[in-house]
Amino acid sequence: MKPRWNWRAYDKLDDGSFAGEIPKLKGVAAFGKSLRECEGELRSTLEDWILVGLKLGHKLPVLAGIDLNKVQNGRLATT
């Protein structure tokens, strides 16, 4: 199942570059010269945010129907 990315937000900046964020996740933001670059940076930032949260034992929010706090049959649970 491929997650839908409709929970992210992008803005084109005055210099032509892009800023992206995931409003539901404090501090998850990225920048890129192109929208594609910004999307890649945002994915990478999200992955790092998740890994740090798991390592520190934080409860992570359900995002795009995926609950990172639950595992069923060895896989992440979807809602």
Foldseek 3Di string as FASTA:
>chain_A
DDFDPPQKDKDQDPVRKMKIARVVDPPQIAIGNHPVRRVVSSVVSVVVVVVVCVVVVHQDDQDSQWGPVDDDPNHTHGD
